[in-house]
Amino acid sequence: MRKVIVLGSFLLLSIAVWGAYPAIGTKTPAPEAAPRPILRATPELIQDPPGTIDGAVTPDLIPDDVAYALFFKFLAGRRTVEQKSSLRSFVKQRPLLADIDVEALMRVADEFQEAYKAIENDEKSLAAASDHRSPKLDAQFALLKQRKLSLVNERVGALPNIIGTDGAERLRRHVIEYVKRKVKIAPPPSMPPMD
């Protein structure tokens, strides 16, 4: 009886495998309506925390300095020939950026990134040096935040001299019309009370 069950199971498994794979040497066209897995997250699965600003919905609520900083960070650090070529290709595909001097823009972005990282390192050092919140600590973080804002404004203000007035204007439009729509700003985490 056991041999019959084992033999029957083997036979069913063989039929299932034979039906799943076409015979060797024959070509079977792929079915047109075969379902394909969805590899992207659906909005129902990932929810933004309450208070999140979504640039796709309200781009005017994304601050200019945040959008420019993200754009500069995107451009910065392109060292290899392939990375630079990829960036040039990206820029050429954007009508507002097509005629802008990409090399000059990369230099601005690299200088920005270096200065921005220095401020971020100061923030990390300040956070590591203190284990509790205080008015003095809040004031120091506020100064570092102001330094970041000043850095962005300084670099953006210098763009007309580097890529021309028309280039700076087209870059501004790209940041407002494209970059801001790709940004989400989550609300800051709640802070413990001050001592």
Protein backbone atom coordinates (compact mmCIF):
# COMPACT_ATOMS: atom_id res chain seq x y z
CA MET A 1 0.00 0.00 0.00
CA ARG A 2 2.85 2.36 0.88
CA LYS A 3 4.52 1.69 -2.50
CA VAL A 4 1.31 2.64 -4.29
CA ILE A 5 1.07 5.95 -2.41
CA VAL A 6 4.73 6.78 -3.06
CA LEU A 7 4.41 5.76 -6.74
CA GLY A 8 1.18 7.76 -7.11
CA SER A 9 2.77 10.83 -5.50
CA PHE A 10 5.79 10.51 -7.78
CA LEU A 11 3.53 10.21 -10.82
CA LEU A 12 1.52 13.33 -9.84
CA LEU A 13 4.70 15.27 -9.20
CA SER A 14 6.12 14.20 -12.58
CA ILE A 15 2.95 15.28 -14.38
CA ALA A 16 3.00 18.64 -12.58
CA VAL A 17 6.65 19.24 -13.45
CA TRP A 18 6.16 18.08 -17.05
CA GLY A 19 3.16 20.41 -17.43
CA ALA A 20 5.03 23.36 -15.94
CA TYR A 21 8.07 23.09 -18.24
CA PRO A 22 7.80 22.68 -22.02
CA ALA A 23 9.47 19.76 -23.71
CA ILE A 24 13.14 20.17 -24.55
CA GLY A 25 13.70 21.57 -28.01
CA THR A 26 10.31 23.25 -28.36
CA LYS A 27 9.74 26.93 -28.05
CA THR A 28 6.66 28.10 -26.26
CA PRO A 29 5.79 31.77 -26.60
CA ALA A 30 5.40 33.63 -23.33
CA PRO A 31 1.77 34.30 -22.54
CA GLU A 32 0.77 37.90 -23.22
CA ALA A 33 -1.38 38.33 -20.15
CA ALA A 34 0.99 36.72 -17.67
CA PRO A 35 0.85 38.60 -14.39
CA ARG A 36 4.03 40.42 -13.41
CA PRO A 37 5.00 41.22 -9.86
CA ILE A 38 4.69 44.81 -8.77
CA LEU A 39 8.06 45.92 -7.44
CA ARG A 40 7.04 49.32 -6.13
CA ALA A 41 5.45 50.14 -2.83
CA THR A 42 1.82 51.08 -2.95
CA PRO A 43 0.61 54.19 -1.13
CA GLU A 44 -1.55 52.05 1.14
CA LEU A 45 1.50 50.23 2.50
CA ILE A 46 3.67 53.23 3.36
CA GLN A 47 2.08 56.15 5.11
CA ASP A 48 3.75 59.44 5.86
CA PRO A 49 3.64 60.61 9.45
CA PRO A 50 1.02 63.26 10.22
CA GLY A 51 2.29 66.73 9.38
CA THR A 52 4.47 65.60 6.46
CA ILE A 53 4.81 68.19 3.69
CA ASP A 54 4.60 66.46 0.31
CA GLY A 55 6.07 68.54 -2.51
CA ALA A 56 4.11 66.55 -5.08
CA VAL A 57 0.93 67.97 -3.52
CA THR A 58 2.07 71.34 -2.14
CA PRO A 59 5.43 72.31 -3.70
CA ASP A 60 5.08 75.90 -2.47
CA LEU A 61 5.49 74.64 1.13
CA ILE A 62 8.96 73.23 0.39
CA PRO A 63 11.49 75.96 1.25
CA ASP A 64 13.77 77.07 -1.60
CA ASP A 65 16.90 76.50 0.49
CA VAL A 66 15.92 72.87 1.14
CA ALA A 67 15.29 72.21 -2.56
CA TYR A 68 18.56 73.88 -3.65
CA ALA A 69 20.54 72.02 -0.97
CA LEU A 70 19.14 68.69 -2.17
CA PHE A 71 19.88 69.57 -5.79
CA PHE A 72 23.47 70.57 -4.98
CA LYS A 73 23.92 67.32 -3.02
CA PHE A 74 22.58 65.39 -6.02
CA LEU A 75 25.17 67.04 -8.29
CA ALA A 76 28.11 66.81 -5.88
CA GLY A 77 30.75 64.12 -5.74
CA ARG A 78 30.77 63.11 -9.40
CA ARG A 79 34.40 61.99 -9.73
CA THR A 80 34.56 59.29 -12.39
CA VAL A 81 34.13 59.78 -16.12
CA GLU A 82 31.02 57.58 -16.02
CA GLN A 83 29.44 59.60 -13.20
CA LYS A 84 30.10 62.88 -14.99
CA SER A 85 28.78 61.48 -18.26
CA SER A 86 25.64 60.27 -16.52
CA LEU A 87 25.08 63.71 -15.03
CA ARG A 88 25.59 65.42 -18.39
CA SER A 89 23.02 63.05 -19.89
CA PHE A 90 20.57 63.85 -17.08
CA VAL A 91 21.03 67.59 -17.55
CA LYS A 92 20.54 67.38 -21.33
CA GLN A 93 17.20 65.61 -20.77
CA ARG A 94 15.92 68.54 -18.68
CA PRO A 95 14.84 71.37 -21.01
CA LEU A 96 15.49 74.07 -18.43
CA LEU A 97 19.03 72.82 -17.76
CA ALA A 98 20.09 71.78 -21.27
CA ASP A 99 22.31 74.80 -22.02
CA ILE A 100 23.80 75.28 -18.55
CA ASP A 101 27.55 74.75 -18.04
CA VAL A 102 27.48 71.38 -16.24
CA GLU A 103 31.16 71.51 -15.24
CA ALA A 104 30.66 74.88 -13.50
CA LEU A 105 27.52 73.58 -11.80
CA MET A 106 29.40 70.51 -10.53
CA ARG A 107 32.14 72.74 -9.10
CA VAL A 108 29.54 74.84 -7.27
CA ALA A 109 27.90 71.68 -5.97
CA ASP A 110 31.21 70.19 -4.78
CA GLU A 111 32.16 73.40 -2.95
CA PHE A 112 28.68 73.53 -1.41
CA GLN A 113 28.86 69.89 -0.31
CA GLU A 114 32.25 70.37 1.35
CA ALA A 115 31.05 73.41 3.34
CA TYR A 116 27.69 71.75 4.16
CA LYS A 117 29.42 68.60 5.48
CA ALA A 118 31.56 70.75 7.77
CA ILE A 119 28.39 72.24 9.31
CA GLU A 120 26.84 68.78 9.62
CA ASN A 121 29.99 67.55 11.38
CA ASP A 122 29.68 70.47 13.82
CA GLU A 123 26.07 69.41 14.47
CA LYS A 124 27.12 65.80 15.12
CA SER A 125 29.88 66.91 17.49
CA LEU A 126 27.48 69.17 19.36
CA ALA A 127 24.90 66.40 19.66
CA ALA A 128 27.51 63.90 20.87
CA ALA A 129 28.89 66.32 23.46
CA SER A 130 25.57 66.85 25.21
CA ASP A 131 23.30 64.26 26.74
CA HIS A 132 20.40 66.59 27.54
CA ARG A 133 18.55 69.48 25.99
CA SER A 134 19.10 73.04 27.20
CA PRO A 135 18.42 76.58 25.96
CA LYS A 136 22.15 76.99 25.26
CA LEU A 137 22.22 73.81 23.17
CA ASP A 138 19.08 74.88 21.27
CA ALA A 139 20.71 78.24 20.52
CA GLN A 140 23.85 76.52 19.20
CA PHE A 141 21.78 74.27 16.92
CA ALA A 142 19.82 77.32 15.72
CA LEU A 143 23.12 79.00 14.78
CA LEU A 144 24.21 75.93 12.80
CA LYS A 145 20.85 75.87 11.03
CA GLN A 146 21.32 79.54 10.17
CA ARG A 147 24.82 78.78 8.82
CA LYS A 148 23.29 76.15 6.49
CA LEU A 149 20.69 78.64 5.26
CA SER A 150 23.36 81.30 4.70
CA LEU A 151 25.52 78.81 2.81
CA VAL A 152 22.69 77.90 0.43
CA ASN A 153 21.73 81.55 -0.10
CA GLU A 154 25.37 82.49 -0.73
CA ARG A 155 25.84 79.74 -3.35
CA VAL A 156 22.52 80.48 -5.06
CA GLY A 157 23.33 84.20 -5.06
CA ALA A 158 26.65 83.50 -6.80
CA LEU A 159 25.08 81.43 -9.59
CA PRO A 160 24.44 84.36 -12.00
CA ASN A 161 28.19 85.12 -11.97
CA ILE A 162 29.06 81.45 -12.56
CA ILE A 163 26.45 80.14 -15.03
CA GLY A 164 25.00 83.46 -16.20
CA THR A 165 21.80 85.25 -15.30
CA ASP A 166 19.73 83.23 -17.76
CA GLY A 167 21.26 79.96 -16.53
CA ALA A 168 20.61 80.87 -12.89
CA GLU A 169 16.99 81.73 -13.72
CA ARG A 170 16.46 78.46 -15.59
CA LEU A 171 18.04 76.55 -12.71
CA ARG A 172 15.71 78.36 -10.27
CA ARG A 173 12.71 77.32 -12.37
CA HIS A 174 13.97 73.72 -12.47
CA VAL A 175 14.31 73.68 -8.68
CA ILE A 176 10.82 75.14 -8.20
CA GLU A 177 9.02 73.16 -10.90
CA TYR A 178 10.84 69.81 -10.65
CA VAL A 179 12.96 69.37 -7.52
CA LYS A 180 10.37 70.64 -5.03
CA ARG A 181 7.83 68.14 -6.35
CA LYS A 182 10.21 65.28 -5.45
CA VAL A 183 10.69 66.37 -1.83
CA LYS A 184 8.88 65.29 1.32
CA ILE A 185 9.58 66.89 4.67
CA ALA A 186 8.58 64.86 7.71
CA PRO A 187 7.84 66.68 10.95
CA PRO A 188 10.71 66.69 13.45
CA PRO A 189 10.56 64.14 16.26
CA SER A 190 9.25 65.40 19.55
CA MET A 191 12.03 66.65 21.78
CA PRO A 192 12.34 65.87 25.48
CA PRO A 193 11.61 68.81 27.78
CA MET A 194 14.46 71.13 28.69
CA ASP A 195 16.17 70.72 32.03
